[in-house]
C-alpha atoms as a PDB file:
ATOM      1  CA  MET A   1     179.373 170.299  91.009  1.00  0.00           C
ATOM      2  CA  GLY A   2     179.023 169.966  94.732  1.00  0.00           C
ATOM      3  CA  ALA A   3     179.650 172.476  97.460  1.00  0.00           C
ATOM      4  CA  SER A   4     183.123 172.686  98.915  1.00  0.00           C
ATOM      5  CA  PRO A   5     182.886 173.285 102.658  1.00  0.00           C
ATOM      6  CA  LEU A   6     186.037 174.029 104.551  1.00  0.00           C
ATOM      7  CA  ARG A   7     187.601 170.802 105.700  1.00  0.00           C
ATOM      8  CA  ALA A   8     190.245 170.063 108.262  1.00  0.00           C
ATOM      9  CA  ARG A   9     193.604 169.519 106.615  1.00  0.00           C
ATOM     10  CA  ALA A  10     197.118 168.853 107.696  1.00  0.00           C
ATOM     11  CA  GLN A  11     198.834 172.034 108.763  1.00  0.00           C
ATOM     12  CA  PRO A  12     200.366 173.806 105.754  1.00  0.00           C
ATOM     13  CA  GLN A  13     204.083 173.477 105.217  1.00  0.00           C
ATOM     14  CA  THR A  14     205.781 176.493 106.757  1.00  0.00           C
ATOM     15  CA  ASP A  15     209.221 176.176 105.161  1.00  0.00           C
ATOM     16  CA  ARG A  16     208.461 179.156 102.978  1.00  0.00           C
ATOM     17  CA  MET A  17     206.033 182.043 102.962  1.00  0.00           C
ATOM     18  CA  ARG A  18     203.176 181.544 100.484  1.00  0.00           C
ATOM     19  CA  LYS A  19     201.685 184.550  98.709  1.00  0.00           C
ATOM     20  CA  VAL A  20     198.066 185.235  97.828  1.00  0.00           C
ATOM     21  CA  GLY A  21     197.055 188.232  95.726  1.00  0.00           C
ATOM     22  CA  VAL A  22     193.513 189.590  95.930  1.00  0.00           C
ATOM     23  CA  LEU A  23     191.883 191.928  93.396  1.00  0.00           C
ATOM     24  CA  MET A  24     188.588 193.325  94.675  1.00  0.00           C
ATOM     25  CA  GLY A  25     186.701 195.109  91.926  1.00  0.00           C
ATOM     26  CA  TRP A  26     184.473 196.956  94.350  1.00  0.00           C
ATOM     27  CA  ILE A  27     184.829 200.132  96.411  1.00  0.00           C
ATOM     28  CA  GLU A  28     187.394 199.829  99.179  1.00  0.00           C
ATOM     29  CA  ASN A  29     185.754 201.974 101.850  1.00  0.00           C
ATOM     30  CA  ASP A  30     182.392 200.197 101.664  1.00  0.00           C
ATOM     31  CA  PRO A  31     181.840 197.870 104.673  1.00  0.00           C
ATOM     32  CA  GLU A  32     179.898 195.383 102.532  1.00  0.00           C
ATOM     33  CA  PHE A  33     182.909 194.652 100.357  1.00  0.00           C
ATOM     34  CA  GLN A  34     185.290 194.598 103.291  1.00  0.00           C
ATOM     35  CA  ARG A  35     183.159 191.754 104.678  1.00  0.00           C
ATOM     36  CA  ARG A  36     183.960 189.695 101.595  1.00  0.00           C
ATOM     37  CA  LEU A  37     187.667 190.195 102.091  1.00  0.00           C
ATOM     38  CA  VAL A  38     187.395 189.392 105.797  1.00  0.00           C
ATOM     39  CA  ALA A  39     185.576 186.134 104.997  1.00  0.00           C
ATOM     40  CA  LEU A  40     188.454 185.126 102.734  1.00  0.00           C
ATOM     41  CA  VAL A  41     191.216 186.004 105.218  1.00  0.00           C
ATOM     42  CA  GLN A  42     189.442 184.384 108.163  1.00  0.00           C
ATOM     43  CA  GLY A  43     188.713 181.256 106.148  1.00  0.00           C
ATOM     44  CA  LEU A  44     192.357 180.871 105.221  1.00  0.00           C
ATOM     45  CA  ALA A  45     193.347 181.304 108.871  1.00  0.00           C
ATOM     46  CA  GLN A  46     190.944 178.520 109.838  1.00  0.00           C
ATOM     47  CA  LEU A  47     192.859 176.204 107.507  1.00  0.00           C
ATOM     48  CA  GLY A  48     196.200 177.141 109.026  1.00  0.00           C
ATOM     49  CA  TRP A  49     197.227 179.899 106.623  1.00  0.00           C
ATOM     50  CA  THR A  50     198.077 182.728 108.985  1.00  0.00           C
ATOM     51  CA  GLU A  51     198.988 186.113 107.595  1.00  0.00           C
ATOM     52  CA  GLY A  52     202.494 187.109 108.693  1.00  0.00           C
ATOM     53  CA  ARG A  53     203.466 183.549 109.685  1.00  0.00           C
ATOM     54  CA  ASN A  54     203.189 181.373 106.602  1.00  0.00           C
ATOM     55  CA  LEU A  55     201.096 183.599 104.335  1.00  0.00           C
ATOM     56  CA  GLN A  56     201.455 187.017 102.740  1.00  0.00           C
ATOM     57  CA  ILE A  57     198.260 188.599 101.389  1.00  0.00           C
ATOM     58  CA  ASP A  58     198.470 191.509  98.956  1.00  0.00           C
ATOM     59  CA  VAL A  59     195.165 193.270  98.278  1.00  0.00           C
ATOM     60  CA  ARG A  60     194.262 195.737  95.545  1.00  0.00           C
ATOM     61  CA  TRP A  61     190.940 197.531  95.023  1.00  0.00           C
ATOM     62  CA  ALA A  62     189.648 198.638  91.613  1.00  0.00           C
ATOM     63  CA  ASN A  63     186.857 200.826  93.044  1.00  0.00           C
ATOM     64  CA  GLY A  64     184.540 199.885  90.184  1.00  0.00           C
ATOM     65  CA  ASP A  65     186.913 201.169  87.499  1.00  0.00           C
ATOM     66  CA  LEU A  66     187.941 198.887  84.623  1.00  0.00           C
ATOM     67  CA  ASP A  67     191.153 200.735  83.781  1.00  0.00           C
ATOM     68  CA  ARG A  68     192.198 200.701  87.429  1.00  0.00           C
ATOM     69  CA  ALA A  69     191.411 196.971  87.611  1.00  0.00           C
ATOM     70  CA  ARG A  70     193.816 196.288  84.762  1.00  0.00           C
ATOM     71  CA  THR A  71     196.551 198.321  86.434  1.00  0.00           C
ATOM     72  CA  MET A  72     196.006 196.631  89.798  1.00  0.00           C
ATOM     73  CA  ALA A  73     195.947 193.200  88.149  1.00  0.00           C
ATOM     74  CA  GLN A  74     199.360 193.775  86.627  1.00  0.00           C
ATOM     75  CA  GLU A  75     200.693 194.996  89.979  1.00  0.00           C
ATOM     76  CA  LEU A  76     199.588 191.765  91.617  1.00  0.00           C
ATOM     77  CA  VAL A  77     201.019 189.596  88.853  1.00  0.00           C
ATOM     78  CA  ASP A  78     204.371 191.395  89.175  1.00  0.00           C
ATOM     79  CA  LEU A  79     204.461 190.325  92.844  1.00  0.00           C
ATOM     80  CA  ARG A  80     204.506 186.684  91.634  1.00  0.00           C
ATOM     81  CA  PRO A  81     201.953 185.258  94.096  1.00  0.00           C
ATOM     82  CA  ASP A  82     201.103 181.566  94.322  1.00  0.00           C
ATOM     83  CA  VAL A  83     197.434 182.293  93.569  1.00  0.00           C
ATOM     84  CA  ILE A  84     195.251 185.338  92.892  1.00  0.00           C
ATOM     85  CA  VAL A  85     191.652 185.682  94.089  1.00  0.00           C
ATOM     86  CA  ALA A  86     189.528 188.107  92.055  1.00  0.00           C
ATOM     87  CA  GLY A  87     185.963 189.288  91.749  1.00  0.00           C
ATOM     88  CA  PRO A  88     183.677 190.248  90.150  1.00  0.00           C
ATOM     89  CA  ALA A  89     183.985 189.355  86.456  1.00  0.00           C
ATOM     90  CA  PHE A  90     185.803 192.443  85.190  1.00  0.00           C
ATOM     91  CA  ALA A  91     188.412 192.058  87.934  1.00  0.00           C
ATOM     92  CA  ALA A  92     188.887 188.365  87.178  1.00  0.00           C
ATOM     93  CA  THR A  93     189.225 188.937  83.439  1.00  0.00           C
ATOM     94  CA  SER A  94     191.721 191.734  84.134  1.00  0.00           C
ATOM     95  CA  VAL A  95     193.901 189.274  86.044  1.00  0.00           C
ATOM     96  CA  GLN A  96     193.514 186.648  83.345  1.00  0.00           C
ATOM     97  CA  ARG A  97     194.740 189.125  80.735  1.00  0.00           C
ATOM     98  CA  ALA A  98     197.825 189.748  82.860  1.00  0.00           C
ATOM     99  CA  THR A  99     198.781 186.094  83.436  1.00  0.00           C
ATOM    100  CA  ARG A 100     198.116 182.698  81.904  1.00  0.00           C
ATOM    101  CA  THR A 101     200.254 180.839  84.414  1.00  0.00           C
ATOM    102  CA  ILE A 102     199.517 182.063  87.962  1.00  0.00           C
ATOM    103  CA  PRO A 103     196.439 180.237  89.347  1.00  0.00           C
ATOM    104  CA  ILE A 104     193.301 182.413  89.570  1.00  0.00           C
ATOM    105  CA  VAL A 105     190.241 181.777  91.752  1.00  0.00           C
ATOM    106  CA  PHE A 106     187.274 184.018  90.952  1.00  0.00           C
ATOM    107  CA  ALA A 107     184.181 184.752  93.008  1.00  0.00           C
ATOM    108  CA  VAL A 108     180.910 186.576  92.236  1.00  0.00           C
ATOM    109  CA  VAL A 109     181.119 185.923  88.483  1.00  0.00           C
ATOM    110  CA  SER A 110     177.907 185.097  86.634  1.00  0.00           C
ATOM    111  CA  ASP A 111     179.004 183.739  83.253  1.00  0.00           C
ATOM    112  CA  PRO A 112     182.665 182.659  83.277  1.00  0.00           C
ATOM    113  CA  VAL A 113     182.303 180.643  80.072  1.00  0.00           C
ATOM    114  CA  SER A 114     181.084 183.568  77.938  1.00  0.00           C
ATOM    115  CA  ASN A 115     183.618 185.821  79.653  1.00  0.00           C
ATOM    116  CA  GLY A 116     186.334 183.469  78.452  1.00  0.00           C
ATOM    117  CA  LEU A 117     187.532 182.746  81.976  1.00  0.00           C
ATOM    118  CA  VAL A 118     186.977 178.996  81.724  1.00  0.00           C
ATOM    119  CA  GLU A 119     186.347 176.427  79.003  1.00  0.00           C
ATOM    120  CA  SER A 120     183.433 174.880  80.916  1.00  0.00           C
ATOM    121  CA  LEU A 121     182.124 174.753  84.465  1.00  0.00           C
ATOM    122  CA  ALA A 122     182.965 171.082  84.928  1.00  0.00           C
ATOM    123  CA  ARG A 123     186.416 171.356  83.339  1.00  0.00           C
ATOM    124  CA  PRO A 124     187.684 174.927  83.634  1.00  0.00           C
ATOM    125  CA  GLY A 125     191.050 174.182  82.011  1.00  0.00           C
ATOM    126  CA  ALA A 126     194.093 176.483  82.004  1.00  0.00           C
ATOM    127  CA  ASN A 127     194.833 178.482  85.172  1.00  0.00           C
ATOM    128  CA  VAL A 128     191.360 179.638  86.285  1.00  0.00           C
ATOM    129  CA  THR A 129     188.516 178.286  88.420  1.00  0.00           C
ATOM    130  CA  GLY A 130     186.071 179.751  90.911  1.00  0.00           C
ATOM    131  CA  PHE A 131     182.539 180.302  92.121  1.00  0.00           C
ATOM    132  CA  LEU A 132     179.485 181.411  90.197  1.00  0.00           C
ATOM    133  CA  ASN A 133     177.295 184.245  91.392  1.00  0.00           C
ATOM    134  CA  ASN A 134     173.680 184.014  90.216  1.00  0.00           C
ATOM    135  CA  GLU A 135     172.603 181.515  87.557  1.00  0.00           C
ATOM    136  CA  ALA A 136     170.690 182.334  84.374  1.00  0.00           C
ATOM    137  CA  ALA A 137     167.179 181.616  85.682  1.00  0.00           C
ATOM    138  CA  ILE A 138     167.418 184.366  88.281  1.00  0.00           C
ATOM    139  CA  GLY A 139     166.424 186.995  85.693  1.00  0.00           C
ATOM    140  CA  GLY A 140     162.928 185.546  85.673  1.00  0.00           C
ATOM    141  CA  LYS A 141     162.961 185.143  89.442  1.00  0.00           C
ATOM    142  CA  TRP A 142     163.576 188.877  89.948  1.00  0.00           C
ATOM    143  CA  LEU A 143     160.710 189.836  87.677  1.00  0.00           C
ATOM    144  CA  GLY A 144     158.384 187.254  89.209  1.00  0.00           C
ATOM    145  CA  LEU A 145     159.019 188.523  92.746  1.00  0.00           C
ATOM    146  CA  LEU A 146     158.440 192.105  91.652  1.00  0.00           C
ATOM    147  CA  LYS A 147     155.172 191.217  89.908  1.00  0.00           C
ATOM    148  CA  GLN A 148     153.929 189.321  92.970  1.00  0.00           C
ATOM    149  CA  CYS A 149     154.447 192.386  95.095  1.00  0.00           C
ATOM    150  CA  VAL A 150     153.267 194.895  92.482  1.00  0.00           C
ATOM    151  CA  PRO A 151     150.432 193.282  90.471  1.00  0.00           C
ATOM    152  CA  ARG A 152     149.732 196.521  88.586  1.00  0.00           C
ATOM    153  CA  LEU A 153     153.076 196.457  86.771  1.00  0.00           C
ATOM    154  CA  GLU A 154     152.851 196.961  83.018  1.00  0.00           C
ATOM    155  CA  ARG A 155     156.550 197.419  82.294  1.00  0.00           C
ATOM    156  CA  VAL A 156     159.768 196.291  83.988  1.00  0.00           C
ATOM    157  CA  ALA A 157     163.227 197.562  83.064  1.00  0.00           C
ATOM    158  CA  ILE A 158     166.547 195.885  83.764  1.00  0.00           C
ATOM    159  CA  MET A 159     169.548 198.171  84.189  1.00  0.00           C
ATOM    160  CA  PHE A 160     173.290 197.485  84.125  1.00  0.00           C
ATOM    161  CA  ASN A 161     176.644 198.958  83.116  1.00  0.00           C
ATOM    162  CA  PRO A 162     177.980 197.100  80.028  1.00  0.00           C
ATOM    163  CA  ASP A 163     181.565 198.132  80.739  1.00  0.00           C
ATOM    164  CA  THR A 164     181.838 196.495  84.153  1.00  0.00           C
ATOM    165  CA  TRP A 165     179.261 193.730  83.601  1.00  0.00           C
ATOM    166  CA  ALA A 166     180.876 192.635  80.339  1.00  0.00           C
ATOM    167  CA  THR A 167     178.892 189.586  79.113  1.00  0.00           C
ATOM    168  CA  GLY A 168     177.639 188.643  82.567  1.00  0.00           C
ATOM    169  CA  VAL A 169     174.191 190.178  82.433  1.00  0.00           C
ATOM    170  CA  SER A 170     173.392 188.565  79.079  1.00  0.00           C
ATOM    171  CA  ILE A 171     172.734 185.215  80.742  1.00  0.00           C
ATOM    172  CA  TYR A 172     169.869 186.781  82.724  1.00  0.00           C
ATOM    173  CA  LEU A 173     168.126 188.467  79.815  1.00  0.00           C
ATOM    174  CA  GLY A 174     166.606 185.294  78.354  1.00  0.00           C
ATOM    175  CA  SER A 175     164.793 184.301  81.553  1.00  0.00           C
ATOM    176  CA  PHE A 176     163.921 187.958  82.225  1.00  0.00           C
ATOM    177  CA  GLU A 177     162.239 188.362  78.830  1.00  0.00           C
ATOM    178  CA  THR A 178     160.553 184.947  79.005  1.00  0.00           C
ATOM    179  CA  ALA A 179     159.071 185.777  82.416  1.00  0.00           C
ATOM    180  CA  ALA A 180     157.922 189.162  81.115  1.00  0.00           C
ATOM    181  CA  ARG A 181     155.991 187.513  78.279  1.00  0.00           C
ATOM    182  CA  SER A 182     154.367 184.981  80.595  1.00  0.00           C
ATOM    183  CA  LEU A 183     153.366 187.677  83.088  1.00  0.00           C
ATOM    184  CA  GLY A 184     152.071 190.122  80.485  1.00  0.00           C
ATOM    185  CA  VAL A 185     154.727 192.701  81.293  1.00  0.00           C
ATOM    186  CA  ALA A 186     156.689 194.706  78.712  1.00  0.00           C
ATOM    187  CA  PRO A 187     160.447 194.294  79.265  1.00  0.00           C
ATOM    188  CA  SER A 188     163.068 196.935  78.513  1.00  0.00           C
ATOM    189  CA  ILE A 189     166.860 196.875  78.775  1.00  0.00           C
ATOM    190  CA  HIS A 190     168.920 199.906  79.754  1.00  0.00           C
ATOM    191  CA  ARG A 191     172.694 200.312  79.651  1.00  0.00           C
ATOM    192  CA  VAL A 192     173.949 203.062  81.939  1.00  0.00           C
ATOM    193  CA  ARG A 193     177.397 204.508  82.549  1.00  0.00           C
ATOM    194  CA  SER A 194     176.761 207.608  84.680  1.00  0.00           C
ATOM    195  CA  ASP A 195     174.594 208.993  87.468  1.00  0.00           C
ATOM    196  CA  SER A 196     172.664 211.127  84.970  1.00  0.00           C
ATOM    197  CA  GLU A 197     171.853 208.085  82.821  1.00  0.00           C
ATOM    198  CA  ILE A 198     170.702 206.151  85.895  1.00  0.00           C
ATOM    199  CA  GLU A 199     168.416 208.982  86.966  1.00  0.00           C
ATOM    200  CA  ALA A 200     167.020 209.452  83.454  1.00  0.00           C
ATOM    201  CA  VAL A 201     165.978 205.785  83.257  1.00  0.00           C
ATOM    202  CA  ILE A 202     164.261 205.870  86.639  1.00  0.00           C
ATOM    203  CA  ILE A 203     162.508 209.200  86.016  1.00  0.00           C
ATOM    204  CA  ALA A 204     161.060 207.790  82.778  1.00  0.00           C
ATOM    205  CA  LEU A 205     159.850 204.664  84.592  1.00  0.00           C
ATOM    206  CA  GLY A 206     158.138 206.887  87.156  1.00  0.00           C
ATOM    207  CA  HIS A 207     155.742 208.115  84.458  1.00  0.00           C
ATOM    208  CA  GLU A 208     154.484 204.570  83.836  1.00  0.00           C
ATOM    209  CA  GLN A 209     153.186 201.619  85.832  1.00  0.00           C
ATOM    210  CA  ALA A 210     156.736 200.351  85.801  1.00  0.00           C
ATOM    211  CA  GLY A 211     159.304 198.618  87.971  1.00  0.00           C
ATOM    212  CA  LEU A 212     163.061 198.244  87.887  1.00  0.00           C
ATOM    213  CA  VAL A 213     165.504 195.339  88.162  1.00  0.00           C
ATOM    214  CA  VAL A 214     169.050 196.378  89.045  1.00  0.00           C
ATOM    215  CA  SER A 215     171.571 193.804  87.865  1.00  0.00           C
ATOM    216  CA  THR A 216     174.312 195.001  90.145  1.00  0.00           C
ATOM    217  CA  ASP A 217     177.907 195.207  89.095  1.00  0.00           C
ATOM    218  CA  ALA A 218     180.686 197.058  90.888  1.00  0.00           C
ATOM    219  CA  PHE A 219     179.665 200.301  89.173  1.00  0.00           C
ATOM    220  CA  LEU A 220     175.994 200.184  90.202  1.00  0.00           C
ATOM    221  CA  LEU A 221     176.824 198.955  93.687  1.00  0.00           C
ATOM    222  CA  GLY A 222     178.885 202.078  94.194  1.00  0.00           C
ATOM    223  CA  ARG A 223     175.939 204.180  93.035  1.00  0.00           C
ATOM    224  CA  ARG A 224     173.210 202.492  95.012  1.00  0.00           C
ATOM    225  CA  LYS A 225     172.386 205.699  96.914  1.00  0.00           C
ATOM    226  CA  VAL A 226     171.691 207.430  93.585  1.00  0.00           C
ATOM    227  CA  ILE A 227     169.526 204.512  92.458  1.00  0.00           C
ATOM    228  CA  ILE A 228     167.578 204.270  95.713  1.00  0.00           C
ATOM    229  CA  ALA A 229     167.037 208.036  95.945  1.00  0.00           C
ATOM    230  CA  ALA A 230     165.741 208.208  92.370  1.00  0.00           C
ATOM    231  CA  ALA A 231     163.532 205.138  92.794  1.00  0.00           C
ATOM    232  CA  THR A 232     162.097 206.558  96.030  1.00  0.00           C
ATOM    233  CA  SER A 233     161.353 210.038  94.672  1.00  0.00           C
ATOM    234  CA  ASN A 234     159.847 208.666  91.455  1.00  0.00           C
ATOM    235  CA  LEU A 235     157.872 205.884  93.186  1.00  0.00           C
ATOM    236  CA  VAL A 236     159.482 203.098  91.158  1.00  0.00           C
ATOM    237  CA  PRO A 237     159.392 199.657  92.842  1.00  0.00           C
ATOM    238  CA  THR A 238     162.859 198.173  92.527  1.00  0.00           C
ATOM    239  CA  ILE A 239     164.532 194.814  93.105  1.00  0.00           C
ATOM    240  CA  ALA A 240     168.282 194.159  93.101  1.00  0.00           C
ATOM    241  CA  ASP A 241     170.438 191.131  93.800  1.00  0.00           C
ATOM    242  CA  VAL A 242     172.570 192.544  96.639  1.00  0.00           C
ATOM    243  CA  PRO A 243     171.190 192.756 100.230  1.00  0.00           C
ATOM    244  CA  LEU A 244     172.389 196.339 100.678  1.00  0.00           C
ATOM    245  CA  PHE A 245     169.771 197.549  98.223  1.00  0.00           C
ATOM    246  CA  GLY A 246     166.925 195.999 100.180  1.00  0.00           C
ATOM    247  CA  ARG A 247     168.278 197.150 103.522  1.00  0.00           C
ATOM    248  CA  GLU A 248     168.897 200.704 102.348  1.00  0.00           C
ATOM    249  CA  GLY A 249     165.582 201.403 100.654  1.00  0.00           C
ATOM    250  CA  CYS A 250     164.771 199.317  97.577  1.00  0.00           C
ATOM    251  CA  LEU A 251     161.554 197.335  97.728  1.00  0.00           C
ATOM    252  CA  MET A 252     163.351 193.970  97.557  1.00  0.00           C
ATOM    253  CA  SER A 253     166.654 192.231  97.020  1.00  0.00           C
ATOM    254  CA  TYR A 254     167.262 188.616  96.050  1.00  0.00           C
ATOM    255  CA  GLY A 255     170.536 186.976  95.122  1.00  0.00           C
ATOM    256  CA  ALA A 256     173.430 184.753  96.012  1.00  0.00           C
ATOM    257  CA  ASP A 257     175.266 185.503  99.251  1.00  0.00           C
ATOM    258  CA  SER A 258     178.528 187.060  98.025  1.00  0.00           C
ATOM    259  CA  VAL A 259     180.216 186.855 101.414  1.00  0.00           C
ATOM    260  CA  ASP A 260     179.526 183.125 101.424  1.00  0.00           C
ATOM    261  CA  LEU A 261     181.064 182.799  97.961  1.00  0.00           C
ATOM    262  CA  PHE A 262     184.316 184.344  99.193  1.00  0.00           C
ATOM    263  CA  ARG A 263     184.203 182.089 102.250  1.00  0.00           C
ATOM    264  CA  ARG A 264     183.842 179.044  99.995  1.00  0.00           C
ATOM    265  CA  ALA A 265     186.577 180.271  97.642  1.00  0.00           C
ATOM    266  CA  VAL A 266     189.007 179.564 100.472  1.00  0.00           C
ATOM    267  CA  ALA A 267     188.715 175.822  99.792  1.00  0.00           C
ATOM    268  CA  HIS A 268     189.944 176.231  96.200  1.00  0.00           C
ATOM    269  CA  VAL A 269     192.769 178.532  97.292  1.00  0.00           C
ATOM    270  CA  ASP A 270     193.824 175.993  99.919  1.00  0.00           C
ATOM    271  CA  ARG A 271     193.821 173.141  97.407  1.00  0.00           C
ATOM    272  CA  ILE A 272     195.938 175.157  94.987  1.00  0.00           C
ATOM    273  CA  LEU A 273     198.432 176.029  97.735  1.00  0.00           C
ATOM    274  CA  HIS A 274     198.657 172.302  98.400  1.00  0.00           C
ATOM    275  CA  GLY A 275     199.474 171.622  94.747  1.00  0.00           C
ATOM    276  CA  ALA A 276     196.139 171.236  92.944  1.00  0.00           C
ATOM    277  CA  LYS A 277     195.778 172.670  89.430  1.00  0.00           C
ATOM    278  CA  PRO A 278     192.959 175.219  89.085  1.00  0.00           C
ATOM    279  CA  GLY A 279     191.903 173.773  85.736  1.00  0.00           C
ATOM    280  CA  ASP A 280     191.085 170.491  87.503  1.00  0.00           C
ATOM    281  CA  LEU A 281     188.809 172.132  90.092  1.00  0.00           C
ATOM    282  CA  PRO A 282     185.203 172.486  88.828  1.00  0.00           C
ATOM    283  CA  VAL A 283     183.515 175.870  88.991  1.00  0.00           C
ATOM    284  CA  GLU A 284     180.923 175.720  91.769  1.00  0.00           C
ATOM    285  CA  VAL A 285     177.459 177.221  92.046  1.00  0.00           C
ATOM    286  CA  PRO A 286     175.997 179.335  94.865  1.00  0.00           C
ATOM    287  CA  THR A 287     174.253 177.456  97.662  1.00  0.00           C
ATOM    288  CA  LYS A 288     173.146 180.333  99.868  1.00  0.00           C
ATOM    289  CA  PHE A 289     170.756 183.118  98.837  1.00  0.00           C
ATOM    290  CA  ASN A 290     169.365 186.191 100.562  1.00  0.00           C
ATOM    291  CA  PHE A 291     165.812 187.493 100.067  1.00  0.00           C
ATOM    292  CA  ILE A 292     165.008 190.825 101.714  1.00  0.00           C
ATOM    293  CA  ILE A 293     161.714 192.722 101.647  1.00  0.00           C
ATOM    294  CA  ASN A 294     161.578 196.346 102.759  1.00  0.00           C
ATOM    295  CA  VAL A 295     158.061 196.803 104.164  1.00  0.00           C
ATOM    296  CA  LYS A 296     158.793 200.441 104.951  1.00  0.00           C
ATOM    297  CA  THR A 297     159.429 201.066 101.271  1.00  0.00           C
ATOM    298  CA  ALA A 298     156.341 199.063 100.315  1.00  0.00           C
ATOM    299  CA  LYS A 299     154.191 201.364 102.453  1.00  0.00           C
ATOM    300  CA  SER A 300     155.689 204.452 100.803  1.00  0.00           C
ATOM    301  CA  LEU A 301     154.705 202.932  97.440  1.00  0.00           C
ATOM    302  CA  ASP A 302     151.192 202.191  98.748  1.00  0.00           C
ATOM    303  CA  LEU A 303     151.794 198.461  98.408  1.00  0.00           C
ATOM    304  CA  THR A 304     150.702 195.587 100.610  1.00  0.00           C
ATOM    305  CA  VAL A 305     153.231 192.788 100.509  1.00  0.00           C
ATOM    306  CA  PRO A 306     151.458 189.404 100.225  1.00  0.00           C
ATOM    307  CA  PRO A 307     151.823 187.340 103.422  1.00  0.00           C
ATOM    308  CA  SER A 308     153.004 184.389 101.320  1.00  0.00           C
ATOM    309  CA  LEU A 309     155.916 186.508 100.085  1.00  0.00           C
ATOM    310  CA  LEU A 310     156.785 187.757 103.553  1.00  0.00           C
ATOM    311  CA  ALA A 311     156.875 184.171 104.788  1.00  0.00           C
ATOM    312  CA  THR A 312     159.671 183.326 102.358  1.00  0.00           C
ATOM    313  CA  ALA A 313     161.872 186.336 103.170  1.00  0.00           C
ATOM    314  CA  ASP A 314     165.146 185.900 105.037  1.00  0.00           C
ATOM    315  CA  GLU A 315     164.886 189.434 106.334  1.00  0.00           C
ATOM    316  CA  VAL A 316     162.017 191.933 106.578  1.00  0.00           C
ATOM    317  CA  ILE A 317     162.801 195.623 106.993  1.00  0.00           C
ATOM    318  CA  GLU A 318     159.987 197.307 108.947  1.00  0.00           C
END
C-alpha cells in the first residue's frame, strides 16, 4: 500500500456539477478540525475541482455526537452526492449505515476492518475505502515515550470513550499491554463518557506514580481542556496522539498527521470522480507523524526531558 500523492491530471469534465458530501465527526468551531476540511477543499481545487464551478461541497459536523452523526449522514445521503468523505470512524460508519451504494472515502480511522468498513486493507470491497490513522503498534510507542521521559512511572492508564471510538482503540491495547509488561509498568484501561468520569480517572492517577495515555476520539478531543487542566492540577504526565494536546499543555503528543490524511484523501476522491470504484482502491497508511514535547509542562512536573528524546521531536514547546 503505497502513498498516493496528488498528481497532475487532465482537467475534470465540466459538463455537469459533481457533488461531494463531507461528514466531519469533530467540533465545528475548533480551528484544528477546520484545517482538515480546508486541506480537503484546497487539495480538490489543485486537481481542478473548483467549488461553485464544477463542484458542490456539502459539509455536516457531528460535534462529537454519535446520534447527530447518524442524522447528518442521512442528510448527506439524501443529497445524492457522487462521493462522501467522512472521519473519524464513528462518522464513517454512520455514513456506511446510510448507504451501500454511494462511494465513501474515510480518513482518521484506526481499524476499518474491525469496524466493518472494509473487508481488508488491500481489497476494501463494496463502496468504501480510505486512509488509516495510527497503526496497532502505536499503543506501545505511546507508553515507551512516556516511560523514557518519566522513569519513575509504576502505572500507566489509557483512556477513551467507547461510544465514539467503537472498536478502534482495541487495536492499540495489545501493544500497550505488551509494552507495559516489558517496561515493568502496570497498565489500566478506562472508558469515560463524561467530564466527571475523565476527572475521576485523572485524580486517582494523581495519587500514584502514574501516567496517562489519551487515545483521542472526537469526544475526548472536544474535552481536551478538561483533560489538560486535570492532568496539570494532579501532576499526571500525559501523552496523546493529537498535536493540540502537546501544544496546549500535555507533556507530549505523538501520532499521525490528520491534516495530511485529509490532504491525501483528495487523491481517492479524485479517482472516484473520474470513475474508479472505491472497493478497488487500497486503504492507505499514514506517512507523516508529529511528535511534540512540552518542556514547560515537564518543568512543572519536575521532569528533565532526555536530550535524546528532544532531538527526535518535531516541535518543542518551551
